[in-house]
């Protein structure tokens, strides 16, 4: 290589080194750009259902009441008197019928006598799909009865009228004593048969109360 060529090569090399050094210094002086931060995802809040207001709350079924009709002994003692009363609403037909009969057996709130002997308790009640109500009563129905055809008639129809008047599903009533069928109430009325609503002549008087 000639002397002139060598000088040109040295000049080019110096120029390249200078360019590289200058570029490196320029890059080092530039501010470092930070990567953008990732946006925070919103925290998912739990879904809550609004609580019902007091006006929207379901009322207590036990507080609901219905009006029923009970057949007590009339003041003359020769017929039946109707007494209206309000009682708690039950969940089903048989429970409601039991409540009604227990109200009847508890006696009048108007000071009237009961056509059912004292001490009688309802043991069980069952209503068939055909509308026959089996009413199982305690021994006092027979042992505490005063006897006599009219008194027995009033006892039977006080019970059957009360069920039939309040429950259209009940068509007839069959009485049992201590879970068994008995031949007669107190010597006159046959308890081996079922009974419907009593004759109108027995319904003499009416009264209402709670």
N, C-alpha and C. Protein backbone atom coordinates (compact mmCIF):
# COMPACT_ATOMS: atom_id res chain seq x y z
N UNK A 1 0.87 -1.19 0.00
CA UNK A 1 0.00 0.00 0.00
C UNK A 1 0.90 1.23 0.00
N UNK A 2 0.47 2.21 -0.79
CA UNK A 2 1.26 3.45 -0.87
C UNK A 2 1.09 4.26 0.39
N UNK A 3 1.93 5.26 0.52
CA UNK A 3 1.84 6.14 1.71
C UNK A 3 0.56 6.90 1.73
N UNK A 4 0.11 7.29 0.50
CA UNK A 4 -1.15 8.06 0.42
C UNK A 4 -2.32 7.21 0.83
N UNK A 5 -2.34 5.94 0.39
CA UNK A 5 -3.45 5.03 0.75
C UNK A 5 -3.50 4.76 2.24
N UNK A 6 -2.33 4.62 2.84
CA UNK A 6 -2.29 4.37 4.28
C UNK A 6 -2.86 5.52 5.06
N UNK A 7 -2.57 6.73 4.62
CA UNK A 7 -3.11 7.91 5.32
C UNK A 7 -4.64 7.98 5.21
N UNK A 8 -5.14 7.61 4.02
CA UNK A 8 -6.61 7.63 3.85
C UNK A 8 -7.27 6.60 4.78
N UNK A 9 -6.68 5.40 4.91
CA UNK A 9 -7.25 4.36 5.77
C UNK A 9 -7.25 4.79 7.22
N UNK A 10 -6.16 5.44 7.63
CA UNK A 10 -6.10 5.90 9.03
C UNK A 10 -7.16 6.95 9.28
N UNK A 11 -7.36 7.85 8.30
CA UNK A 11 -8.36 8.92 8.47
C UNK A 11 -9.76 8.35 8.60
N UNK A 12 -10.07 7.34 7.78
CA UNK A 12 -11.41 6.71 7.83
C UNK A 12 -11.63 6.03 9.17
N UNK A 13 -10.58 5.33 9.66
CA UNK A 13 -10.72 4.63 10.94
C UNK A 13 -10.95 5.60 12.08
N UNK A 14 -10.19 6.72 12.06
CA UNK A 14 -10.38 7.73 13.11
C UNK A 14 -11.79 8.29 13.07
N UNK A 15 -12.30 8.54 11.83
CA UNK A 15 -13.66 9.09 11.69
C UNK A 15 -14.71 8.14 12.25
N UNK A 16 -14.54 6.81 11.99
CA UNK A 16 -15.51 5.82 12.49
C UNK A 16 -15.49 5.76 14.02
N UNK A 17 -14.26 5.75 14.57
CA UNK A 17 -14.16 5.71 16.04
C UNK A 17 -14.81 6.93 16.66
N UNK A 18 -14.53 8.10 16.04
CA UNK A 18 -15.12 9.33 16.56
C UNK A 18 -16.65 9.29 16.51
N UNK A 19 -17.16 8.77 15.38
CA UNK A 19 -18.63 8.68 15.25
C UNK A 19 -19.24 7.76 16.29
N UNK A 20 -18.59 6.61 16.51
CA UNK A 20 -19.10 5.65 17.49
C UNK A 20 -19.08 6.24 18.89
N UNK A 21 -17.96 6.90 19.25
CA UNK A 21 -17.86 7.49 20.59
C UNK A 21 -18.90 8.57 20.76
N UNK A 22 -19.09 9.41 19.73
CA UNK A 22 -20.08 10.50 19.83
C UNK A 22 -21.48 9.96 19.99
N UNK A 23 -21.80 8.94 19.21
CA UNK A 23 -23.14 8.34 19.29
C UNK A 23 -23.39 7.71 20.65
N UNK A 24 -22.36 7.06 21.20
CA UNK A 24 -22.49 6.42 22.52
C UNK A 24 -22.75 7.46 23.60
N UNK A 25 -21.98 8.57 23.54
CA UNK A 25 -22.18 9.63 24.53
C UNK A 25 -23.57 10.22 24.43
N UNK A 26 -24.07 10.37 23.20
CA UNK A 26 -25.41 10.97 23.00
C UNK A 26 -26.49 10.05 23.58
N UNK A 27 -26.31 8.74 23.34
CA UNK A 27 -27.30 7.79 23.87
C UNK A 27 -27.31 7.77 25.39
N UNK A 28 -26.11 7.90 25.98
CA UNK A 28 -26.05 7.88 27.45
C UNK A 28 -26.69 9.12 28.05
N UNK A 29 -26.71 10.21 27.31
CA UNK A 29 -27.30 11.45 27.83
C UNK A 29 -28.82 11.47 27.72
N UNK A 30 -29.39 10.56 26.93
CA UNK A 30 -30.86 10.58 26.76
C UNK A 30 -31.55 10.04 28.02
N UNK A 31 -32.70 10.68 28.45
CA UNK A 31 -33.44 10.17 29.62
C UNK A 31 -34.07 8.80 29.33
N UNK A 32 -34.04 7.97 30.35
CA UNK A 32 -34.62 6.63 30.19
C UNK A 32 -36.14 6.72 30.32
N UNK A 33 -36.86 6.28 29.31
CA UNK A 33 -38.34 6.32 29.33
C UNK A 33 -38.87 5.06 29.99
N UNK A 34 -39.62 5.26 31.09
CA UNK A 34 -40.17 4.10 31.81
C UNK A 34 -41.37 3.55 31.06
N UNK A 35 -41.51 2.29 31.12
CA UNK A 35 -42.69 1.65 30.51
C UNK A 35 -43.94 2.10 31.24
N UNK A 36 -45.00 2.38 30.51
CA UNK A 36 -46.25 2.82 31.16
C UNK A 36 -46.76 1.75 32.12
N UNK A 37 -47.22 2.24 33.28
CA UNK A 37 -47.78 1.31 34.26
C UNK A 37 -49.09 0.74 33.76
N UNK A 38 -49.26 -0.50 34.07
CA UNK A 38 -50.53 -1.12 33.70
C UNK A 38 -51.65 -0.54 34.57
N UNK A 39 -52.78 -0.28 33.93
CA UNK A 39 -53.92 0.26 34.67
C UNK A 39 -54.45 -0.80 35.63
N UNK A 40 -54.74 -0.36 36.85
CA UNK A 40 -55.28 -1.30 37.84
C UNK A 40 -56.71 -1.66 37.47
N UNK A 41 -56.97 -2.95 37.50
CA UNK A 41 -58.33 -3.40 37.25
C UNK A 41 -59.21 -3.10 38.46
N UNK A 42 -60.43 -2.66 38.21
CA UNK A 42 -61.32 -2.38 39.35
C UNK A 42 -61.62 -3.66 40.12
N UNK A 43 -61.63 -3.55 41.44
CA UNK A 43 -61.96 -4.70 42.28
C UNK A 43 -63.46 -4.95 42.19
N UNK A 44 -63.83 -6.18 41.85
CA UNK A 44 -65.24 -6.50 41.70
C UNK A 44 -65.93 -6.52 43.06
N UNK A 45 -66.97 -5.72 43.17
CA UNK A 45 -67.71 -5.65 44.43
C UNK A 45 -68.78 -6.73 44.46
N UNK A 46 -69.02 -7.32 45.64
CA UNK A 46 -70.08 -8.33 45.72
C UNK A 46 -71.45 -7.72 45.46
N UNK A 47 -72.29 -8.51 44.80
CA UNK A 47 -73.65 -8.05 44.50
C UNK A 47 -74.52 -8.29 45.72
N UNK A 48 -75.19 -7.26 46.16
CA UNK A 48 -76.08 -7.38 47.32
C UNK A 48 -77.50 -7.06 46.91
N UNK A 49 -78.45 -7.85 47.43
CA UNK A 49 -79.86 -7.60 47.17
C UNK A 49 -80.39 -6.61 48.18
N UNK A 50 -81.17 -5.66 47.75
CA UNK A 50 -81.72 -4.69 48.71
C UNK A 50 -82.67 -5.37 49.68
N UNK A 51 -82.59 -5.01 50.94
CA UNK A 51 -83.48 -5.58 51.95
C UNK A 51 -84.89 -5.02 51.76
N UNK A 52 -85.92 -5.85 51.98
CA UNK A 52 -87.28 -5.35 51.82
C UNK A 52 -87.59 -4.34 52.90
N UNK A 53 -88.37 -3.36 52.52
CA UNK A 53 -88.81 -2.38 53.49
C UNK A 53 -89.84 -3.02 54.40
N UNK A 54 -90.12 -2.43 55.55
CA UNK A 54 -91.12 -3.03 56.46
C UNK A 54 -92.46 -3.26 55.78
N UNK A 55 -92.82 -2.38 54.82
CA UNK A 55 -94.11 -2.54 54.15
C UNK A 55 -94.10 -3.73 53.20
N UNK A 56 -92.90 -4.14 52.73
CA UNK A 56 -92.81 -5.22 51.78
C UNK A 56 -92.62 -6.58 52.44
N UNK A 57 -92.35 -6.61 53.73
CA UNK A 57 -92.12 -7.87 54.42
C UNK A 57 -93.40 -8.69 54.46
N UNK A 58 -93.21 -10.02 54.33
CA UNK A 58 -94.37 -10.91 54.37
C UNK A 58 -94.92 -10.97 55.78
N UNK A 59 -96.20 -10.79 55.91
CA UNK A 59 -96.82 -10.81 57.22
C UNK A 59 -96.79 -12.21 57.80
N UNK A 60 -96.80 -12.30 59.12
CA UNK A 60 -96.75 -13.57 59.82
C UNK A 60 -98.06 -14.31 59.61
N UNK A 61 -98.02 -15.55 59.02
CA UNK A 61 -99.26 -16.28 58.80
C UNK A 61 -100.03 -16.52 60.10
N UNK A 62 -99.29 -16.62 61.22
CA UNK A 62 -99.97 -16.88 62.50
C UNK A 62 -100.85 -15.73 62.91
N UNK A 63 -100.61 -14.54 62.37
CA UNK A 63 -101.39 -13.37 62.73
C UNK A 63 -102.68 -13.28 61.93
N UNK A 64 -102.82 -14.08 60.87
CA UNK A 64 -104.02 -14.05 60.04
C UNK A 64 -105.15 -14.80 60.74
N UNK A 65 -106.36 -14.28 60.64
CA UNK A 65 -107.48 -14.86 61.34
C UNK A 65 -108.67 -15.00 60.41
N UNK A 66 -109.57 -15.92 60.75
CA UNK A 66 -110.79 -16.11 59.97
C UNK A 66 -111.98 -16.16 60.92
N UNK A 67 -113.14 -15.86 60.38
CA UNK A 67 -114.37 -15.91 61.18
C UNK A 67 -115.03 -17.27 61.00
N UNK A 68 -115.44 -17.88 62.10
CA UNK A 68 -116.09 -19.19 62.06
C UNK A 68 -117.41 -19.13 62.83
N UNK A 69 -118.23 -20.14 62.59
CA UNK A 69 -119.55 -20.24 63.21
C UNK A 69 -119.60 -21.46 64.12
N UNK A 70 -119.99 -21.24 65.37
CA UNK A 70 -120.08 -22.33 66.34
C UNK A 70 -121.54 -22.50 66.77
N UNK A 71 -121.94 -23.74 66.97
CA UNK A 71 -123.31 -24.02 67.39
C UNK A 71 -123.34 -24.39 68.87
N UNK A 72 -123.81 -23.43 69.65
CA UNK A 72 -123.95 -23.61 71.10
C UNK A 72 -125.41 -23.94 71.45
N UNK A 73 -125.63 -24.19 72.73
CA UNK A 73 -126.99 -24.43 73.20
C UNK A 73 -127.73 -23.11 73.32
N UNK A 74 -128.96 -23.07 72.87
CA UNK A 74 -129.75 -21.85 72.97
C UNK A 74 -130.11 -21.57 74.43
N UNK A 75 -130.57 -20.34 74.70
CA UNK A 75 -130.94 -19.97 76.07
C UNK A 75 -132.09 -20.83 76.60
N UNK A 76 -132.96 -21.24 75.72
CA UNK A 76 -134.09 -22.07 76.15
C UNK A 76 -133.65 -23.51 76.44
N UNK A 77 -132.51 -23.89 75.89
CA UNK A 77 -132.02 -25.25 76.10
C UNK A 77 -132.66 -26.27 75.18
N UNK A 78 -133.50 -25.82 74.26
CA UNK A 78 -134.20 -26.76 73.37
C UNK A 78 -133.73 -26.65 71.92
N UNK A 79 -132.76 -25.80 71.67
CA UNK A 79 -132.28 -25.62 70.30
C UNK A 79 -130.82 -25.22 70.30
N UNK A 80 -130.34 -24.82 69.15
CA UNK A 80 -128.95 -24.42 68.98
C UNK A 80 -128.86 -22.94 68.63
N UNK A 81 -127.91 -22.25 69.21
CA UNK A 81 -127.67 -20.84 68.94
C UNK A 81 -126.34 -20.68 68.21
N UNK A 82 -126.34 -19.87 67.18
CA UNK A 82 -125.12 -19.64 66.40
C UNK A 82 -124.29 -18.54 67.05
N UNK A 83 -123.00 -18.83 67.25
CA UNK A 83 -122.08 -17.85 67.81
C UNK A 83 -120.89 -17.70 66.86
N UNK A 84 -120.66 -16.48 66.38
CA UNK A 84 -119.53 -16.20 65.49
C UNK A 84 -118.29 -15.88 66.30
N UNK A 85 -117.14 -16.31 65.77
CA UNK A 85 -115.88 -16.08 66.49
C UNK A 85 -114.74 -16.00 65.48
N UNK A 86 -113.69 -15.30 65.84
CA UNK A 86 -112.49 -15.23 65.01
C UNK A 86 -111.39 -16.10 65.62
N UNK A 87 -110.76 -16.91 64.77
CA UNK A 87 -109.69 -17.78 65.23
C UNK A 87 -108.52 -17.68 64.25
N UNK A 88 -107.37 -18.19 64.65
CA UNK A 88 -106.17 -18.14 63.80
C UNK A 88 -106.35 -19.02 62.57
N UNK A 89 -105.77 -18.58 61.47
CA UNK A 89 -105.82 -19.34 60.22
C UNK A 89 -104.78 -20.46 60.27
N UNK A 90 -105.23 -21.69 59.99
CA UNK A 90 -104.33 -22.85 60.00
C UNK A 90 -103.78 -23.11 58.60
N UNK A 91 -102.83 -24.05 58.52
CA UNK A 91 -102.16 -24.34 57.26
C UNK A 91 -102.97 -25.21 56.33
N UNK A 92 -103.87 -26.02 56.87
CA UNK A 92 -104.61 -26.94 56.01
C UNK A 92 -106.00 -27.19 56.59
N UNK A 93 -106.82 -27.89 55.81
CA UNK A 93 -108.21 -28.11 56.17
C UNK A 93 -108.37 -28.85 57.48
N UNK A 94 -107.64 -29.94 57.66
CA UNK A 94 -107.82 -30.75 58.86
C UNK A 94 -107.38 -30.00 60.12
N UNK A 95 -106.28 -29.28 60.05
CA UNK A 95 -105.85 -28.50 61.21
C UNK A 95 -106.85 -27.40 61.53
N UNK A 96 -107.41 -26.79 60.47
CA UNK A 96 -108.40 -25.74 60.71
C UNK A 96 -109.66 -26.31 61.35
N UNK A 97 -110.08 -27.49 60.88
CA UNK A 97 -111.26 -28.13 61.46
C UNK A 97 -111.03 -28.50 62.92
N UNK A 98 -109.82 -28.94 63.24
CA UNK A 98 -109.51 -29.24 64.64
C UNK A 98 -109.61 -27.99 65.51
N UNK A 99 -109.10 -26.89 65.00
CA UNK A 99 -109.18 -25.63 65.76
C UNK A 99 -110.61 -25.23 66.02
N UNK A 100 -111.46 -25.38 65.00
CA UNK A 100 -112.87 -24.99 65.14
C UNK A 100 -113.56 -25.85 66.20
N UNK A 101 -113.33 -27.16 66.15
CA UNK A 101 -113.97 -28.03 67.15
C UNK A 101 -113.44 -27.77 68.56
N UNK A 102 -112.18 -27.46 68.69
CA UNK A 102 -111.63 -27.14 70.02
C UNK A 102 -112.26 -25.85 70.55
N UNK A 103 -112.52 -24.91 69.66
CA UNK A 103 -113.21 -23.69 70.09
C UNK A 103 -114.61 -24.01 70.58
N UNK A 104 -115.29 -24.90 69.87
CA UNK A 104 -116.63 -25.32 70.29
C UNK A 104 -116.59 -26.00 71.65
N UNK A 105 -115.64 -26.91 71.83
CA UNK A 105 -115.54 -27.65 73.09
C UNK A 105 -115.12 -26.76 74.25
N UNK A 106 -114.46 -25.64 73.95
CA UNK A 106 -114.05 -24.71 75.01
C UNK A 106 -115.22 -23.96 75.60
N UNK A 107 -116.35 -23.94 74.89
CA UNK A 107 -117.54 -23.30 75.42
C UNK A 107 -117.78 -21.91 74.88
N UNK A 108 -118.94 -21.38 75.19
CA UNK A 108 -119.35 -20.07 74.70
C UNK A 108 -118.63 -18.94 75.43
N UNK A 109 -118.38 -17.86 74.71
CA UNK A 109 -117.83 -16.65 75.32
C UNK A 109 -118.94 -15.65 75.67
N UNK A 110 -120.16 -16.07 75.39
CA UNK A 110 -121.31 -15.22 75.69
C UNK A 110 -122.12 -15.74 76.87
N UNK A 111 -121.54 -16.70 77.59
CA UNK A 111 -122.21 -17.22 78.78
C UNK A 111 -123.26 -18.27 78.49
N UNK A 112 -123.32 -18.76 77.25
CA UNK A 112 -124.29 -19.79 76.91
C UNK A 112 -123.75 -21.17 77.29
N UNK A 113 -124.65 -22.10 77.47
CA UNK A 113 -124.26 -23.46 77.79
C UNK A 113 -123.84 -24.19 76.53
N UNK A 114 -123.06 -25.23 76.69
CA UNK A 114 -122.62 -26.05 75.56
C UNK A 114 -123.52 -27.26 75.43
N UNK A 115 -123.78 -27.65 74.19
CA UNK A 115 -124.57 -28.85 73.95
C UNK A 115 -123.72 -30.11 74.11
N UNK A 116 -122.42 -29.93 74.23
CA UNK A 116 -121.49 -31.05 74.39
C UNK A 116 -121.18 -31.22 75.88
N UNK A 117 -121.16 -32.43 76.40
CA UNK A 117 -120.89 -32.65 77.82
C UNK A 117 -119.56 -32.03 78.25
N UNK A 118 -119.45 -31.64 79.52
CA UNK A 118 -118.19 -31.05 80.00
C UNK A 118 -117.06 -32.07 79.99
N UNK A 119 -115.86 -31.57 79.76
CA UNK A 119 -114.67 -32.43 79.82
C UNK A 119 -114.34 -33.15 78.54
N UNK A 120 -115.17 -33.02 77.51
CA UNK A 120 -114.90 -33.72 76.25
C UNK A 120 -113.70 -33.07 75.55
N UNK A 121 -112.79 -33.92 75.09
CA UNK A 121 -111.60 -33.45 74.37
C UNK A 121 -111.57 -34.06 72.97
N UNK A 122 -111.07 -33.28 72.03
CA UNK A 122 -110.88 -33.80 70.68
C UNK A 122 -109.58 -34.60 70.63
N UNK A 123 -109.67 -35.87 70.30
CA UNK A 123 -108.48 -36.71 70.21
C UNK A 123 -107.87 -36.68 68.81
N UNK A 124 -108.71 -36.75 67.79
CA UNK A 124 -108.21 -36.73 66.42
C UNK A 124 -109.35 -36.40 65.47
N UNK A 125 -108.98 -35.94 64.29
CA UNK A 125 -109.97 -35.63 63.26
C UNK A 125 -109.34 -35.92 61.91
N UNK A 126 -110.12 -36.57 61.04
CA UNK A 126 -109.64 -36.89 59.70
C UNK A 126 -110.78 -36.71 58.72
N UNK A 127 -110.48 -36.07 57.58
CA UNK A 127 -111.49 -35.81 56.55
C UNK A 127 -111.10 -36.55 55.29
N UNK A 128 -112.00 -37.40 54.80
CA UNK A 128 -111.73 -38.17 53.59
C UNK A 128 -111.99 -37.30 52.36
N UNK A 129 -111.43 -37.71 51.20
CA UNK A 129 -111.71 -36.97 49.96
C UNK A 129 -113.19 -36.95 49.59
N UNK A 130 -113.95 -37.90 50.12
CA UNK A 130 -115.38 -37.95 49.84
C UNK A 130 -116.20 -37.02 50.74
N UNK A 131 -115.53 -36.35 51.69
CA UNK A 131 -116.23 -35.39 52.54
C UNK A 131 -116.76 -35.97 53.84
N UNK A 132 -116.29 -37.15 54.22
CA UNK A 132 -116.70 -37.73 55.51
C UNK A 132 -115.64 -37.39 56.55
N UNK A 133 -116.06 -36.70 57.60
CA UNK A 133 -115.15 -36.32 58.68
C UNK A 133 -115.28 -37.32 59.82
N UNK A 134 -114.18 -37.97 60.18
CA UNK A 134 -114.15 -38.85 61.34
C UNK A 134 -113.67 -38.02 62.53
N UNK A 135 -114.51 -37.91 63.55
CA UNK A 135 -114.20 -37.12 64.73
C UNK A 135 -114.06 -38.05 65.92
N UNK A 136 -112.86 -38.14 66.45
CA UNK A 136 -112.58 -39.01 67.58
C UNK A 136 -112.56 -38.16 68.86
N UNK A 137 -113.50 -38.45 69.76
CA UNK A 137 -113.65 -37.67 70.99
C UNK A 137 -113.34 -38.54 72.20
N UNK A 138 -113.08 -37.88 73.32
CA UNK A 138 -112.73 -38.61 74.54
C UNK A 138 -113.96 -39.27 75.18
N UNK A 139 -113.71 -40.13 76.16
CA UNK A 139 -114.75 -40.92 76.80
C UNK A 139 -115.85 -40.07 77.44
N UNK A 140 -115.51 -38.83 77.80
CA UNK A 140 -116.50 -37.96 78.47
C UNK A 140 -117.73 -37.70 77.62
N UNK A 141 -117.61 -37.87 76.29
CA UNK A 141 -118.78 -37.67 75.42
C UNK A 141 -119.91 -38.60 75.85
N UNK A 142 -119.56 -39.81 76.30
CA UNK A 142 -120.56 -40.79 76.73
C UNK A 142 -120.75 -40.75 78.24
N UNK A 143 -119.65 -40.77 78.99
CA UNK A 143 -119.75 -40.90 80.45
C UNK A 143 -120.34 -39.66 81.12
N UNK A 144 -120.16 -38.48 80.54
CA UNK A 144 -120.67 -37.25 81.15
C UNK A 144 -121.98 -36.75 80.54
N UNK A 145 -122.54 -37.53 79.63
CA UNK A 145 -123.77 -37.06 78.97
C UNK A 145 -124.98 -37.24 79.89
N UNK A 146 -125.87 -36.24 79.85
CA UNK A 146 -127.04 -36.27 80.73
C UNK A 146 -128.12 -37.22 80.23
N UNK A 147 -128.05 -37.61 78.95
CA UNK A 147 -129.03 -38.53 78.39
C UNK A 147 -130.29 -37.82 77.92
N UNK A 148 -131.17 -38.59 77.32
CA UNK A 148 -132.41 -38.03 76.78
C UNK A 148 -132.26 -37.82 75.28
N UNK A 149 -133.33 -38.13 74.54
CA UNK A 149 -133.25 -38.07 73.09
C UNK A 149 -132.97 -36.65 72.57
N UNK A 150 -133.60 -35.61 73.15
CA UNK A 150 -133.37 -34.25 72.67
C UNK A 150 -131.95 -33.79 73.00
N UNK A 151 -131.46 -34.07 74.19
CA UNK A 151 -130.11 -33.67 74.57
C UNK A 151 -129.07 -34.36 73.67
N UNK A 152 -129.30 -35.63 73.37
CA UNK A 152 -128.38 -36.33 72.48
C UNK A 152 -128.41 -35.75 71.07
N UNK A 153 -129.60 -35.43 70.61
CA UNK A 153 -129.73 -34.82 69.28
C UNK A 153 -128.99 -33.50 69.20
N UNK A 154 -129.11 -32.67 70.23
CA UNK A 154 -128.43 -31.38 70.24
C UNK A 154 -126.90 -31.55 70.28
N UNK A 155 -126.43 -32.55 71.00
CA UNK A 155 -124.99 -32.80 71.05
C UNK A 155 -124.44 -33.18 69.68
N UNK A 156 -125.11 -34.13 69.05
CA UNK A 156 -124.65 -34.60 67.74
C UNK A 156 -124.65 -33.47 66.72
N UNK A 157 -125.74 -32.71 66.67
CA UNK A 157 -125.83 -31.68 65.64
C UNK A 157 -125.07 -30.40 65.98
N UNK A 158 -124.78 -30.19 67.25
CA UNK A 158 -123.89 -29.09 67.60
C UNK A 158 -122.52 -29.32 66.96
N UNK A 159 -122.07 -30.57 67.03
CA UNK A 159 -120.77 -30.92 66.47
C UNK A 159 -120.79 -30.97 64.94
N UNK A 160 -121.76 -31.67 64.38
CA UNK A 160 -121.79 -31.83 62.92
C UNK A 160 -122.11 -30.51 62.22
N UNK A 161 -123.04 -29.72 62.77
CA UNK A 161 -123.37 -28.43 62.16
C UNK A 161 -122.15 -27.50 62.13
N UNK A 162 -121.40 -27.52 63.22
CA UNK A 162 -120.24 -26.64 63.31
C UNK A 162 -119.23 -26.98 62.22
N UNK A 163 -118.99 -28.25 61.97
CA UNK A 163 -118.04 -28.64 60.93
C UNK A 163 -118.59 -28.34 59.54
N UNK A 164 -119.83 -28.74 59.28
CA UNK A 164 -120.41 -28.60 57.94
C UNK A 164 -120.61 -27.13 57.58
N UNK A 165 -121.00 -26.31 58.54
CA UNK A 165 -121.24 -24.89 58.25
C UNK A 165 -119.96 -24.15 57.89
N UNK A 166 -118.85 -24.58 58.46
CA UNK A 166 -117.58 -23.88 58.23
C UNK A 166 -116.75 -24.45 57.10
N UNK A 167 -116.99 -25.69 56.74
CA UNK A 167 -116.16 -26.34 55.74
C UNK A 167 -117.03 -27.03 54.68
N UNK A 168 -117.19 -26.40 53.52
CA UNK A 168 -117.99 -27.01 52.45
C UNK A 168 -117.49 -28.40 52.04
N UNK A 169 -116.21 -28.68 52.28
CA UNK A 169 -115.67 -29.99 51.91
C UNK A 169 -116.21 -31.10 52.80
N UNK A 170 -116.75 -30.74 53.97
CA UNK A 170 -117.31 -31.74 54.89
C UNK A 170 -118.79 -31.90 54.61
N UNK A 171 -119.19 -33.12 54.28
CA UNK A 171 -120.59 -33.42 53.98
C UNK A 171 -121.30 -34.15 55.12
N UNK A 172 -120.57 -35.05 55.78
CA UNK A 172 -121.15 -35.82 56.87
C UNK A 172 -120.07 -36.04 57.93
N UNK A 173 -120.53 -36.39 59.15
CA UNK A 173 -119.61 -36.56 60.27
C UNK A 173 -119.85 -37.92 60.93
N UNK A 174 -118.78 -38.67 61.14
CA UNK A 174 -118.84 -39.95 61.84
C UNK A 174 -118.12 -39.81 63.16
N UNK A 175 -118.80 -40.15 64.25
CA UNK A 175 -118.23 -39.98 65.59
C UNK A 175 -117.62 -41.28 66.11
N UNK A 176 -116.44 -41.13 66.73
CA UNK A 176 -115.77 -42.22 67.42
C UNK A 176 -115.51 -41.79 68.86
N UNK A 177 -115.40 -42.75 69.76
CA UNK A 177 -115.10 -42.47 71.16
C UNK A 177 -113.85 -43.27 71.53
N UNK A 178 -112.80 -42.56 71.92
CA UNK A 178 -111.53 -43.20 72.25
C UNK A 178 -111.03 -44.10 71.11
N UNK A 179 -111.23 -43.63 69.89
CA UNK A 179 -110.73 -44.35 68.73
C UNK A 179 -111.59 -45.52 68.26
N UNK A 180 -112.75 -45.71 68.89
CA UNK A 180 -113.60 -46.86 68.54
C UNK A 180 -115.01 -46.40 68.22
N UNK A 181 -115.67 -47.20 67.42
CA UNK A 181 -117.08 -46.96 67.13
C UNK A 181 -117.91 -47.47 68.30
N UNK A 182 -118.87 -46.65 68.76
CA UNK A 182 -119.75 -47.06 69.86
C UNK A 182 -121.18 -47.13 69.34
N UNK A 183 -121.99 -48.01 69.90
CA UNK A 183 -123.33 -48.21 69.36
C UNK A 183 -124.26 -47.01 69.55
N UNK A 184 -124.14 -46.32 70.67
CA UNK A 184 -125.07 -45.23 70.93
C UNK A 184 -124.40 -44.16 71.79
N UNK A 185 -124.93 -42.94 71.74
CA UNK A 185 -124.38 -41.86 72.54
C UNK A 185 -124.76 -42.04 74.01
N UNK A 186 -126.04 -42.10 74.29
CA UNK A 186 -126.49 -42.32 75.67
C UNK A 186 -127.82 -43.07 75.68
N UNK A 187 -127.94 -44.00 74.74
CA UNK A 187 -129.13 -44.84 74.72
C UNK A 187 -130.12 -44.52 73.63
N UNK A 188 -129.95 -43.37 72.93
CA UNK A 188 -130.93 -42.99 71.91
C UNK A 188 -130.31 -42.79 70.51
N UNK A 189 -129.31 -41.95 70.40
CA UNK A 189 -128.75 -41.65 69.08
C UNK A 189 -127.71 -42.70 68.68
N UNK A 190 -127.92 -43.27 67.51
CA UNK A 190 -127.04 -44.30 66.97
C UNK A 190 -125.75 -43.67 66.44
N UNK A 191 -124.63 -44.00 67.07
CA UNK A 191 -123.36 -43.43 66.63
C UNK A 191 -122.62 -44.31 65.62
N UNK A 192 -123.25 -45.41 65.20
CA UNK A 192 -122.61 -46.24 64.18
C UNK A 192 -122.84 -45.65 62.78
N UNK A 193 -123.71 -44.68 62.67
CA UNK A 193 -123.94 -44.03 61.38
C UNK A 193 -123.40 -42.61 61.39
N UNK A 194 -123.17 -42.07 60.21
CA UNK A 194 -122.69 -40.69 60.10
C UNK A 194 -123.88 -39.73 60.05
N UNK A 195 -123.59 -38.46 60.36
CA UNK A 195 -124.65 -37.45 60.41
C UNK A 195 -124.28 -36.24 59.55
N UNK A 196 -125.32 -35.71 58.90
CA UNK A 196 -125.17 -34.48 58.13
C UNK A 196 -125.59 -33.29 58.99
N UNK A 197 -126.05 -32.24 58.33
CA UNK A 197 -126.50 -31.06 59.06
C UNK A 197 -127.85 -31.35 59.70
N UNK A 198 -128.05 -30.80 60.90
CA UNK A 198 -129.28 -31.05 61.63
C UNK A 198 -130.47 -30.31 61.06
N UNK A 199 -131.67 -30.67 61.48
CA UNK A 199 -132.88 -30.00 60.99
C UNK A 199 -132.93 -28.53 61.41
N UNK A 200 -133.56 -27.72 60.57
CA UNK A 200 -133.63 -26.28 60.82
C UNK A 200 -134.37 -25.96 62.12
N UNK A 201 -135.27 -26.81 62.55
CA UNK A 201 -136.03 -26.54 63.77
C UNK A 201 -135.13 -26.40 65.00
N UNK A 202 -133.91 -26.93 64.93
CA UNK A 202 -133.01 -26.86 66.06
C UNK A 202 -132.30 -25.50 66.16
N UNK A 203 -132.25 -24.77 65.05
CA UNK A 203 -131.52 -23.49 65.03
C UNK A 203 -132.47 -22.37 65.40
N UNK A 204 -132.51 -22.04 66.68
CA UNK A 204 -133.48 -21.09 67.19
C UNK A 204 -132.94 -19.69 67.35
N UNK A 205 -131.71 -19.54 67.77
CA UNK A 205 -131.18 -18.24 68.13
C UNK A 205 -129.78 -18.06 67.59
N UNK A 206 -129.39 -16.80 67.46
CA UNK A 206 -128.04 -16.49 66.99
C UNK A 206 -127.44 -15.37 67.82
N UNK A 207 -126.14 -15.40 67.94
CA UNK A 207 -125.43 -14.33 68.61
C UNK A 207 -124.05 -14.24 68.00
N UNK A 208 -123.34 -13.16 68.24
CA UNK A 208 -122.00 -13.02 67.68
C UNK A 208 -121.05 -12.55 68.78
N UNK A 209 -119.82 -12.86 68.62
CA UNK A 209 -118.80 -12.44 69.59
C UNK A 209 -117.45 -12.90 69.16
N UNK A 210 -116.40 -12.42 69.85
CA UNK A 210 -115.03 -12.80 69.51
C UNK A 210 -114.34 -13.31 70.77
